[in-house]
N, C-alpha and C. Protein backbone atom coordinates (compact mmCIF):
# COMPACT_ATOMS: atom_id res chain seq x y z
N MET A 1 -81.12 114.69 -31.02
CA MET A 1 -82.00 112.74 -30.38
C MET A 1 -80.09 112.71 -30.33
N GLU A 2 -79.15 111.73 -29.30
CA GLU A 2 -77.82 111.72 -28.55
C GLU A 2 -78.35 109.63 -29.08
N VAL A 3 -76.91 109.40 -29.99
CA VAL A 3 -77.05 108.08 -29.46
C VAL A 3 -75.70 107.85 -28.50
N ARG A 4 -76.31 107.27 -27.68
CA ARG A 4 -75.85 106.66 -26.39
C ARG A 4 -75.03 104.67 -26.49
N ASP A 5 -74.90 104.75 -25.14
CA ASP A 5 -74.05 103.73 -25.05
C ASP A 5 -74.99 102.36 -25.15
N ASN A 6 -75.98 102.79 -24.67
CA ASN A 6 -77.91 102.34 -23.98
C ASN A 6 -78.69 102.40 -24.68
N LYS A 7 -78.72 103.21 -25.21
CA LYS A 7 -79.75 103.83 -25.32
C LYS A 7 -79.58 104.87 -26.71
N ILE A 8 -80.69 104.85 -27.24
CA ILE A 8 -80.96 106.33 -28.78
C ILE A 8 -81.96 107.58 -27.38
N GLU A 9 -81.26 108.27 -27.33
CA GLU A 9 -82.44 108.93 -26.66
C GLU A 9 -82.33 110.40 -27.03
N ILE A 10 -84.52 110.46 -27.13
CA ILE A 10 -84.73 111.38 -28.06
C ILE A 10 -84.95 112.44 -26.92
N HIS A 11 -85.00 113.70 -27.41
CA HIS A 11 -85.32 115.19 -27.00
C HIS A 11 -86.37 115.28 -27.15
N GLU A 12 -87.82 115.28 -27.69
CA GLU A 12 -88.67 115.51 -28.11
C GLU A 12 -89.42 114.45 -27.79
N LYS A 13 -91.23 114.45 -28.10
CA LYS A 13 -92.30 113.42 -27.72
C LYS A 13 -92.83 112.47 -29.15
N ILE A 14 -92.99 111.80 -28.70
CA ILE A 14 -93.68 110.25 -29.70
C ILE A 14 -95.43 111.41 -29.47
N GLN A 15 -95.57 111.95 -30.66
CA GLN A 15 -97.45 112.24 -30.41
C GLN A 15 -98.76 112.03 -30.74
N PHE A 16 -99.30 111.46 -30.08
CA PHE A 16 -99.99 110.47 -29.75
C PHE A 16 -101.84 110.84 -30.29
N GLU A 17 -102.07 110.68 -30.84
CA GLU A 17 -104.05 111.28 -30.99
C GLU A 17 -104.35 110.67 -29.43
N TYR A 18 -105.41 111.38 -29.00
CA TYR A 18 -105.96 110.79 -27.30
C TYR A 18 -105.94 109.67 -27.21
N ASN A 19 -105.31 108.42 -26.12
CA ASN A 19 -105.86 107.97 -26.42
C ASN A 19 -106.11 106.15 -26.96
N LYS A 20 -104.95 107.10 -27.95
CA LYS A 20 -104.83 105.70 -29.64
C LYS A 20 -103.57 105.44 -29.53
N ALA A 21 -103.40 104.03 -30.16
CA ALA A 21 -102.33 104.38 -30.72
C ALA A 21 -101.35 104.78 -32.33
N VAL A 22 -101.93 105.54 -32.82
CA VAL A 22 -102.17 105.93 -33.55
C VAL A 22 -101.29 107.52 -33.10
N ILE A 23 -100.26 107.21 -33.95
CA ILE A 23 -98.83 108.54 -33.87
C ILE A 23 -99.54 109.84 -34.48
N MET A 24 -99.16 110.73 -33.86
CA MET A 24 -99.68 111.73 -35.32
C MET A 24 -98.75 112.36 -36.26
N GLU A 25 -99.62 112.94 -37.18
CA GLU A 25 -99.12 113.61 -38.21
C GLU A 25 -97.20 114.25 -36.80
N ALA A 26 -97.82 115.23 -36.65
CA ALA A 26 -96.98 116.38 -36.10
C ALA A 26 -95.29 115.75 -35.71
N SER A 27 -95.63 114.37 -35.72
CA SER A 27 -94.47 113.63 -35.04
C SER A 27 -94.08 112.60 -36.13
N PHE A 28 -94.29 112.71 -37.59
CA PHE A 28 -94.14 112.17 -38.30
C PHE A 28 -92.42 113.03 -38.32
N ASP A 29 -91.51 113.61 -38.47
CA ASP A 29 -90.97 114.78 -39.01
C ASP A 29 -89.61 113.75 -37.84
N LEU A 30 -89.99 113.53 -36.51
CA LEU A 30 -88.89 112.66 -35.19
C LEU A 30 -88.97 111.32 -36.11
N MET A 31 -90.64 111.20 -36.07
CA MET A 31 -90.00 108.99 -36.65
C MET A 31 -89.12 109.27 -37.62
N ASN A 32 -89.23 109.82 -39.14
CA ASN A 32 -88.07 110.04 -39.58
C ASN A 32 -86.83 110.34 -39.29
N GLU A 33 -86.52 110.70 -38.43
CA GLU A 33 -84.97 111.59 -37.95
C GLU A 33 -84.62 110.04 -37.09
N ILE A 34 -85.77 109.14 -36.36
CA ILE A 34 -84.94 108.32 -35.56
C ILE A 34 -85.19 106.21 -36.39
N THR A 35 -85.35 106.99 -37.60
CA THR A 35 -85.63 105.10 -38.84
C THR A 35 -84.20 106.46 -39.12
N GLN A 36 -83.98 107.51 -40.03
CA GLN A 36 -81.92 108.06 -40.13
C GLN A 36 -81.35 107.43 -39.48
N VAL A 37 -81.69 107.45 -38.38
CA VAL A 37 -80.53 107.41 -36.68
C VAL A 37 -80.60 105.76 -36.77
N LEU A 38 -81.07 105.25 -36.74
CA LEU A 38 -81.21 103.74 -36.90
C LEU A 38 -80.14 103.05 -38.64
N LYS A 39 -80.59 103.63 -39.45
CA LYS A 39 -80.06 103.45 -40.46
C LYS A 39 -78.33 103.52 -41.17
N ASP A 40 -77.58 105.08 -40.01
CA ASP A 40 -76.75 105.03 -40.05
C ASP A 40 -75.67 104.68 -39.04
N ASN A 41 -76.45 103.97 -38.48
CA ASN A 41 -75.68 103.37 -37.09
C ASN A 41 -76.20 101.37 -37.40
N ALA A 42 -76.00 101.44 -38.24
CA ALA A 42 -76.21 99.71 -39.07
C ALA A 42 -75.25 98.66 -37.43
N HIS A 43 -73.99 99.19 -36.67
CA HIS A 43 -73.67 99.15 -35.55
C HIS A 43 -75.18 97.91 -34.88
N ILE A 44 -75.75 99.17 -34.61
CA ILE A 44 -77.24 98.50 -33.54
C ILE A 44 -77.48 97.91 -33.90
N LYS A 45 -77.50 96.94 -33.48
CA LYS A 45 -78.20 95.30 -33.89
C LYS A 45 -79.85 95.31 -32.95
N LYS A 46 -80.26 95.50 -32.31
CA LYS A 46 -81.32 94.99 -31.87
C LYS A 46 -81.74 96.09 -30.47
N VAL A 47 -83.00 96.92 -31.08
CA VAL A 47 -83.47 98.44 -30.38
C VAL A 47 -84.87 97.47 -29.65
N GLY A 48 -84.88 97.63 -28.52
CA GLY A 48 -86.69 97.70 -27.27
C GLY A 48 -87.12 98.54 -27.04
N ILE A 49 -88.06 98.45 -28.02
CA ILE A 49 -89.12 99.80 -27.87
C ILE A 49 -90.18 99.86 -26.94
N GLU A 50 -89.70 100.66 -25.61
CA GLU A 50 -90.97 100.59 -24.82
C GLU A 50 -91.34 101.72 -25.06
N GLY A 51 -92.47 101.56 -24.12
CA GLY A 51 -93.60 102.85 -24.94
C GLY A 51 -94.54 102.56 -22.43
N HIS A 52 -94.44 103.77 -22.70
CA HIS A 52 -94.83 104.23 -20.94
C HIS A 52 -96.02 105.10 -21.29
N THR A 53 -96.79 105.08 -19.61
CA THR A 53 -98.15 105.61 -19.29
C THR A 53 -98.09 106.94 -18.06
N ASP A 54 -98.73 107.45 -18.12
CA ASP A 54 -98.73 108.29 -16.46
C ASP A 54 -100.01 107.03 -15.91
N SER A 55 -100.17 107.41 -14.61
CA SER A 55 -101.11 106.72 -13.55
C SER A 55 -102.70 107.30 -13.59
N ASP A 56 -103.12 107.85 -15.13
CA ASP A 56 -104.15 107.87 -15.07
C ASP A 56 -104.78 106.57 -15.62
N GLY A 57 -106.43 106.45 -15.31
CA GLY A 57 -106.84 105.44 -16.16
C GLY A 57 -107.11 103.99 -15.22
N ALA A 58 -107.11 102.99 -15.93
CA ALA A 58 -106.67 101.54 -15.62
C ALA A 58 -105.65 101.00 -15.37
N ASP A 59 -105.18 99.77 -14.45
CA ASP A 59 -103.82 99.89 -15.18
C ASP A 59 -103.63 98.89 -16.09
N ALA A 60 -104.22 98.00 -16.32
CA ALA A 60 -104.79 97.29 -17.29
C ALA A 60 -105.24 98.14 -18.91
N TYR A 61 -105.61 99.08 -18.78
CA TYR A 61 -106.14 100.10 -19.50
C TYR A 61 -104.43 100.33 -20.63
N ASN A 62 -103.98 100.86 -19.74
CA ASN A 62 -102.39 101.92 -19.55
C ASN A 62 -101.54 100.80 -20.23
N LEU A 63 -102.20 99.81 -19.48
CA LEU A 63 -100.44 98.48 -20.54
C LEU A 63 -100.79 98.25 -21.67
N LYS A 64 -102.11 98.42 -21.97
CA LYS A 64 -102.41 97.94 -23.40
C LYS A 64 -102.88 99.45 -23.93
N LEU A 65 -101.95 100.02 -23.62
CA LEU A 65 -102.31 101.99 -24.55
C LEU A 65 -100.77 101.46 -24.76
N SER A 66 -100.07 101.41 -23.75
CA SER A 66 -98.62 101.62 -23.95
C SER A 66 -97.58 100.44 -25.54
N ASP A 67 -99.03 99.20 -25.18
CA ASP A 67 -98.14 98.61 -25.74
C ASP A 67 -98.35 98.93 -27.00
N GLY A 68 -99.76 98.68 -28.02
CA GLY A 68 -99.58 99.70 -28.65
C GLY A 68 -99.32 100.48 -29.12
N ARG A 69 -99.24 101.06 -28.61
CA ARG A 69 -98.03 102.45 -28.93
C ARG A 69 -97.04 102.21 -29.49
N ALA A 70 -95.73 101.65 -28.43
CA ALA A 70 -94.57 101.17 -28.52
C ALA A 70 -95.09 100.14 -30.27
N LYS A 71 -95.55 99.33 -30.27
CA LYS A 71 -96.48 98.42 -31.46
C LYS A 71 -96.10 100.15 -32.36
N ALA A 72 -97.16 100.95 -32.81
CA ALA A 72 -96.76 101.78 -34.05
C ALA A 72 -95.92 102.53 -34.22
N VAL A 73 -94.80 102.14 -33.34
CA VAL A 73 -93.54 103.01 -33.13
C VAL A 73 -92.86 101.81 -34.36
N MET A 74 -92.83 100.97 -33.90
CA MET A 74 -91.84 100.25 -34.74
C MET A 74 -92.55 99.50 -36.02
N ASP A 75 -93.57 99.58 -36.27
CA ASP A 75 -94.66 99.28 -37.44
C ASP A 75 -94.07 100.80 -37.86
N TYR A 76 -93.70 101.93 -37.76
CA TYR A 76 -93.69 102.93 -38.48
C TYR A 76 -92.09 102.96 -38.67
N LEU A 77 -91.49 102.37 -38.24
CA LEU A 77 -89.77 102.05 -38.30
C LEU A 77 -89.50 100.70 -39.43
N ILE A 78 -90.44 99.66 -39.23
CA ILE A 78 -91.04 98.65 -40.40
C ILE A 78 -90.61 99.62 -41.76
N GLU A 79 -91.91 99.68 -41.39
CA GLU A 79 -92.32 100.60 -43.45
C GLU A 79 -91.26 101.81 -43.24
N HIS A 80 -90.59 102.18 -42.88
CA HIS A 80 -89.87 102.92 -43.81
C HIS A 80 -88.23 102.62 -43.42
N GLY A 81 -88.58 100.95 -42.98
CA GLY A 81 -87.40 100.67 -44.08
C GLY A 81 -86.55 99.57 -43.06
N ILE A 82 -87.14 100.04 -41.40
CA ILE A 82 -85.62 99.21 -41.28
C ILE A 82 -86.21 97.75 -41.21
N ASP A 83 -84.66 96.79 -40.84
CA ASP A 83 -85.41 95.62 -40.64
C ASP A 83 -86.27 95.37 -38.90
N LYS A 84 -87.14 94.45 -39.46
CA LYS A 84 -88.26 94.09 -38.45
C LYS A 84 -87.20 92.98 -37.29
N ALA A 85 -86.17 92.56 -37.67
CA ALA A 85 -85.18 91.55 -36.67
C ALA A 85 -84.45 92.48 -35.93
N ARG A 86 -84.35 94.10 -36.28
CA ARG A 86 -83.98 94.70 -35.04
C ARG A 86 -84.45 95.64 -34.44
N LEU A 87 -85.86 95.05 -34.07
CA LEU A 87 -86.32 95.71 -33.02
C LEU A 87 -87.48 94.85 -32.14
N THR A 88 -87.88 94.88 -31.37
CA THR A 88 -88.84 93.82 -30.31
C THR A 88 -89.55 95.95 -29.83
N ALA A 89 -90.72 95.54 -29.44
CA ALA A 89 -91.83 96.59 -28.76
C ALA A 89 -92.80 96.21 -28.09
N LYS A 90 -92.37 95.97 -26.23
CA LYS A 90 -93.36 96.88 -25.63
C LYS A 90 -94.04 97.81 -24.65
N GLY A 91 -94.67 97.50 -24.49
CA GLY A 91 -95.42 98.21 -22.68
C GLY A 91 -95.67 98.43 -21.78
N PHE A 92 -95.63 99.58 -20.98
CA PHE A 92 -94.84 98.81 -19.80
C PHE A 92 -96.09 100.14 -18.75
N GLY A 93 -97.64 99.82 -19.25
CA GLY A 93 -98.08 100.88 -18.65
C GLY A 93 -97.33 101.53 -17.92
N GLU A 94 -98.11 102.38 -16.40
CA GLU A 94 -97.40 103.07 -15.32
C GLU A 94 -96.51 102.02 -14.45
N THR A 95 -96.14 101.21 -15.06
CA THR A 95 -94.81 100.83 -14.02
C THR A 95 -93.59 100.79 -14.53
N LYS A 96 -93.04 101.94 -14.95
CA LYS A 96 -92.47 102.63 -14.35
C LYS A 96 -91.54 103.57 -14.93
N PRO A 97 -92.76 104.59 -13.90
CA PRO A 97 -92.63 105.96 -13.98
C PRO A 97 -91.22 105.99 -13.58
N LEU A 98 -90.86 107.65 -14.20
CA LEU A 98 -89.86 108.83 -13.79
C LEU A 98 -89.99 109.49 -12.60
N VAL A 99 -91.14 110.08 -12.71
CA VAL A 99 -90.84 110.95 -11.41
C VAL A 99 -92.10 110.76 -11.05
N PRO A 100 -92.88 111.36 -10.08
CA PRO A 100 -94.53 110.79 -9.24
C PRO A 100 -95.40 111.24 -10.53
N ASN A 101 -96.12 110.64 -9.98
CA ASN A 101 -97.27 110.82 -11.15
C ASN A 101 -98.40 111.35 -10.45
N ASP A 102 -98.11 113.46 -9.50
CA ASP A 102 -98.98 113.92 -8.80
C ASP A 102 -99.53 114.56 -9.51
N ASN A 103 -98.41 115.57 -10.31
CA ASN A 103 -98.90 116.86 -11.22
C ASN A 103 -99.29 116.74 -12.75
N ASP A 104 -99.27 118.02 -13.37
CA ASP A 104 -99.77 117.85 -14.77
C ASP A 104 -97.88 117.99 -14.81
N GLU A 105 -97.31 118.10 -14.65
CA GLU A 105 -95.62 117.87 -15.56
C GLU A 105 -95.20 116.89 -15.27
N GLY A 106 -95.53 115.75 -14.31
CA GLY A 106 -94.73 114.44 -14.07
C GLY A 106 -95.37 113.61 -15.06
N LYS A 107 -97.34 113.81 -15.19
CA LYS A 107 -97.60 112.43 -15.61
C LYS A 107 -96.97 112.80 -16.85
N ALA A 108 -96.90 114.21 -17.53
CA ALA A 108 -96.34 114.58 -18.89
C ALA A 108 -95.11 113.59 -19.48
N THR A 109 -93.83 113.67 -17.61
CA THR A 109 -92.94 113.27 -18.33
C THR A 109 -92.96 111.74 -17.88
N ASN A 110 -93.66 111.14 -17.37
CA ASN A 110 -93.70 109.86 -17.32
C ASN A 110 -95.04 109.21 -18.81
N ARG A 111 -95.04 109.69 -19.53
CA ARG A 111 -95.85 109.42 -20.99
C ARG A 111 -94.67 109.62 -22.05
N ARG A 112 -94.03 108.54 -22.94
CA ARG A 112 -93.13 108.57 -23.19
C ARG A 112 -92.96 107.29 -23.89
N VAL A 113 -91.75 107.21 -25.18
CA VAL A 113 -91.23 106.23 -25.61
C VAL A 113 -90.05 106.63 -25.47
N GLU A 114 -89.89 105.22 -24.93
CA GLU A 114 -87.76 104.48 -25.03
C GLU A 114 -87.31 103.52 -25.53
N PHE A 115 -85.98 104.24 -26.12
CA PHE A 115 -84.99 103.61 -27.24
C PHE A 115 -84.25 102.70 -26.60
N ASN A 116 -84.24 101.73 -26.56
CA ASN A 116 -83.05 101.23 -26.07
C ASN A 116 -82.41 99.74 -26.63
N ILE A 117 -80.85 99.89 -26.45
CA ILE A 117 -80.52 99.45 -27.54
C ILE A 117 -80.01 98.48 -26.76
N LEU A 118 -80.24 96.91 -27.30
CA LEU A 118 -80.14 95.27 -26.86
C LEU A 118 -79.07 94.98 -27.21
N GLU A 119 -78.60 95.45 -28.05
CA GLU A 119 -77.63 94.80 -28.89
C GLU A 119 -76.76 95.40 -29.65
N GLN A 120 -75.39 95.40 -29.80
CA GLN A 120 -74.44 95.90 -31.07
C GLN A 120 -73.07 95.95 -31.41
N ASP A 121 -72.53 95.72 -32.08
CA ASP A 121 -71.49 95.63 -33.11
C ASP A 121 -70.03 96.81 -32.42
N ILE A 122 -69.51 95.77 -31.36
CA ILE A 122 -68.68 96.78 -31.12
C ILE A 122 -66.76 97.02 -31.84
N THR A 123 -66.69 98.13 -32.24
CA THR A 123 -65.10 98.29 -33.44
C THR A 123 -64.62 98.46 -32.04
N GLN A 124 -63.32 98.19 -32.40
CA GLN A 124 -62.02 98.80 -31.93
C GLN A 124 -60.97 98.76 -33.02
N LYS A 125 -60.92 100.91 -33.25
CA LYS A 125 -59.15 100.51 -34.16
C LYS A 125 -58.31 101.28 -33.44
N LYS A 126 -57.14 100.86 -34.20
CA LYS A 126 -55.63 101.67 -33.83
C LYS A 126 -55.27 101.75 -35.01
N VAL A 127 -55.27 103.84 -35.05
CA VAL A 127 -54.83 103.77 -35.55
C VAL A 127 -53.32 104.49 -35.93
N GLU A 128 -52.88 105.11 -37.01
CA GLU A 128 -51.96 105.96 -37.06
C GLU A 128 -51.78 107.17 -37.34
N ILE A 129 -51.60 108.04 -37.09
CA ILE A 129 -50.98 109.29 -37.38
C ILE A 129 -50.18 110.09 -38.12
N ASP A 130 -50.13 109.92 -39.34
CA ASP A 130 -48.56 110.25 -40.20
C ASP A 130 -48.22 112.25 -40.05
N HIS A 131 -47.29 112.15 -40.60
CA HIS A 131 -46.64 113.13 -39.92
C HIS A 131 -47.51 114.92 -40.58
N THR A 132 -48.20 114.38 -41.13
CA THR A 132 -49.69 115.52 -41.81
C THR A 132 -50.79 115.61 -40.78
N GLY A 133 -50.49 114.43 -39.57
CA GLY A 133 -52.13 115.11 -39.55
C GLY A 133 -53.06 113.89 -39.62
N LYS A 134 -52.86 113.36 -40.33
CA LYS A 134 -53.83 112.28 -41.90
C LYS A 134 -53.84 110.91 -40.53
N GLU A 135 -54.83 110.23 -40.32
CA GLU A 135 -55.17 108.95 -39.57
C GLU A 135 -54.95 107.74 -40.63
N LYS A 136 -54.29 106.87 -39.98
CA LYS A 136 -54.26 105.70 -41.06
C LYS A 136 -54.60 104.59 -40.42
N VAL A 137 -55.48 103.96 -40.41
CA VAL A 137 -56.47 102.18 -39.38
C VAL A 137 -55.35 101.44 -39.72
N VAL A 138 -54.99 100.82 -38.37
CA VAL A 138 -53.55 99.84 -38.61
C VAL A 138 -54.14 98.85 -38.97
N GLU A 139 -55.73 98.55 -37.37
CA GLU A 139 -56.12 97.33 -37.21
C GLU A 139 -57.44 97.69 -36.89
N GLU A 140 -58.21 96.88 -36.96
CA GLU A 140 -59.86 97.04 -36.83
C GLU A 140 -60.35 95.51 -36.27
N LYS A 141 -61.20 95.47 -35.14
CA LYS A 141 -61.61 94.12 -34.36
C LYS A 141 -62.63 94.79 -34.19
N LYS A 142 -63.32 93.98 -33.90
CA LYS A 142 -65.30 93.37 -33.74
C LYS A 142 -65.00 92.84 -32.74
N ALA A 143 -65.35 92.88 -31.57
CA ALA A 143 -66.10 92.38 -30.33
C ALA A 143 -67.21 91.69 -30.75
N PRO A 144 -66.91 90.40 -30.32
CA PRO A 144 -68.74 88.71 -29.93
C PRO A 144 -69.24 89.99 -29.71
N PRO A 145 -70.53 89.59 -30.16
CA PRO A 145 -72.33 90.49 -30.18
C PRO A 145 -72.04 89.16 -28.19
N SER A 146 -71.48 88.57 -27.92
CA SER A 146 -71.74 88.62 -25.92
C SER A 146 -71.32 89.79 -25.74
N LEU A 147 -70.19 90.28 -25.87
CA LEU A 147 -69.62 91.45 -24.95
C LEU A 147 -70.35 92.44 -25.96
N ALA A 148 -71.01 93.02 -26.53
CA ALA A 148 -71.72 93.81 -27.50
C ALA A 148 -73.20 94.20 -27.09
N LYS A 149 -73.29 93.21 -25.80
CA LYS A 149 -74.36 93.55 -24.92
C LYS A 149 -74.80 94.69 -24.59
N PRO A 150 -75.01 95.85 -24.53
CA PRO A 150 -75.35 96.79 -23.09
C PRO A 150 -75.75 96.78 -21.87
N LYS A 151 -74.76 97.12 -20.52
CA LYS A 151 -75.13 96.00 -19.23
C LYS A 151 -76.99 97.04 -19.46
N PRO A 152 -77.63 96.13 -19.07
CA PRO A 152 -79.02 96.68 -18.15
C PRO A 152 -78.16 98.42 -17.46
N ASP A 153 -79.31 99.27 -17.04
CA ASP A 153 -79.12 100.70 -15.88
C ASP A 153 -79.63 99.59 -15.01
N ALA A 154 -78.77 100.12 -13.89
CA ALA A 154 -79.36 99.65 -12.83
C ALA A 154 -80.68 100.17 -12.44
N GLU A 155 -81.22 99.38 -11.08
CA GLU A 155 -82.33 99.57 -10.28
C GLU A 155 -81.69 100.55 -9.60
N PRO A 156 -82.61 102.01 -8.91
CA PRO A 156 -82.09 102.54 -8.18
C PRO A 156 -83.17 101.77 -6.59
N ALA A 157 -82.24 101.88 -5.86
CA ALA A 157 -82.76 101.27 -4.56
C ALA A 157 -83.86 102.59 -3.81
N PRO A 158 -85.17 102.17 -3.88
CA PRO A 158 -86.11 102.60 -3.30
C PRO A 158 -85.69 104.17 -1.87
N SER A 159 -86.07 104.66 -2.31
CA SER A 159 -85.81 106.32 -1.01
C SER A 159 -87.09 105.71 -0.23
N LYS A 160 -86.75 106.02 1.00
CA LYS A 160 -87.49 106.25 3.05
C LYS A 160 -88.81 106.83 2.09
N SER A 161 -88.86 107.88 0.81
CA SER A 161 -89.93 108.74 0.85
C SER A 161 -91.36 107.84 -0.31
N ASP A 162 -90.47 106.60 -0.22
CA ASP A 162 -91.42 105.92 -1.93
C ASP A 162 -92.74 105.37 -0.80
N LYS A 163 -93.07 104.86 -1.19
CA LYS A 163 -94.33 104.30 -0.95
C LYS A 163 -95.12 102.53 -1.36
N PRO A 164 -95.49 102.00 -0.62
CA PRO A 164 -95.56 100.80 -0.70
C PRO A 164 -96.32 100.49 -2.57
N ALA A 165 -96.68 99.81 -2.66
CA ALA A 165 -97.43 99.51 -3.96
C ALA A 165 -98.15 99.25 -2.71
N ASP A 166 -99.90 100.02 -3.87
CA ASP A 166 -101.21 100.11 -3.23
C ASP A 166 -102.14 98.72 -3.25
N PRO A 167 -101.68 97.87 -2.51
CA PRO A 167 -102.66 96.45 -3.16
C PRO A 167 -103.88 95.82 -4.03
N ALA A 168 -104.72 96.91 -3.51
CA ALA A 168 -106.23 96.89 -3.57
C ALA A 168 -105.73 97.74 -5.06
N LYS A 169 -104.55 98.25 -5.77
CA LYS A 169 -105.09 98.48 -7.24
C LYS A 169 -104.27 97.58 -7.96
N LYS A 170 -104.09 96.48 -8.03
CA LYS A 170 -103.42 95.84 -8.42
C LYS A 170 -104.46 94.73 -8.84
């Protein structure tokens, strides 16, 4: 797990019961790690939990399922001590695939939960190092919250191989 400037990146999947917004017990250790990361990083003021699905099934069903799963993750974090004011949850269904949904591996990649940092404190420190190599903080400043919001990831331009959305599917 890595805390980056605009997201908390988890390197394994949160597992859910099939076609349900219920976190499987096998993912409780991972969920506890995520909880601890949020507790240890109080400078992270707001996290957006995003649920995503593959393209199997109806669009409306996938949207509802992904939303329920994102909210289940949020509920778990709240139940384990994270302040509700620090969290938002939203499902995006199949609308934001990372890769094409044309094989099982691609579909598995697209089924995910993401943790985007929406707001955080930024601290700048000036330190002096004495002759023994010890650091001494000379000055510490916090950036105002308006400067502490990470910039959203830029949307990549569509490539020529991207096909237009099927209007019959919407």
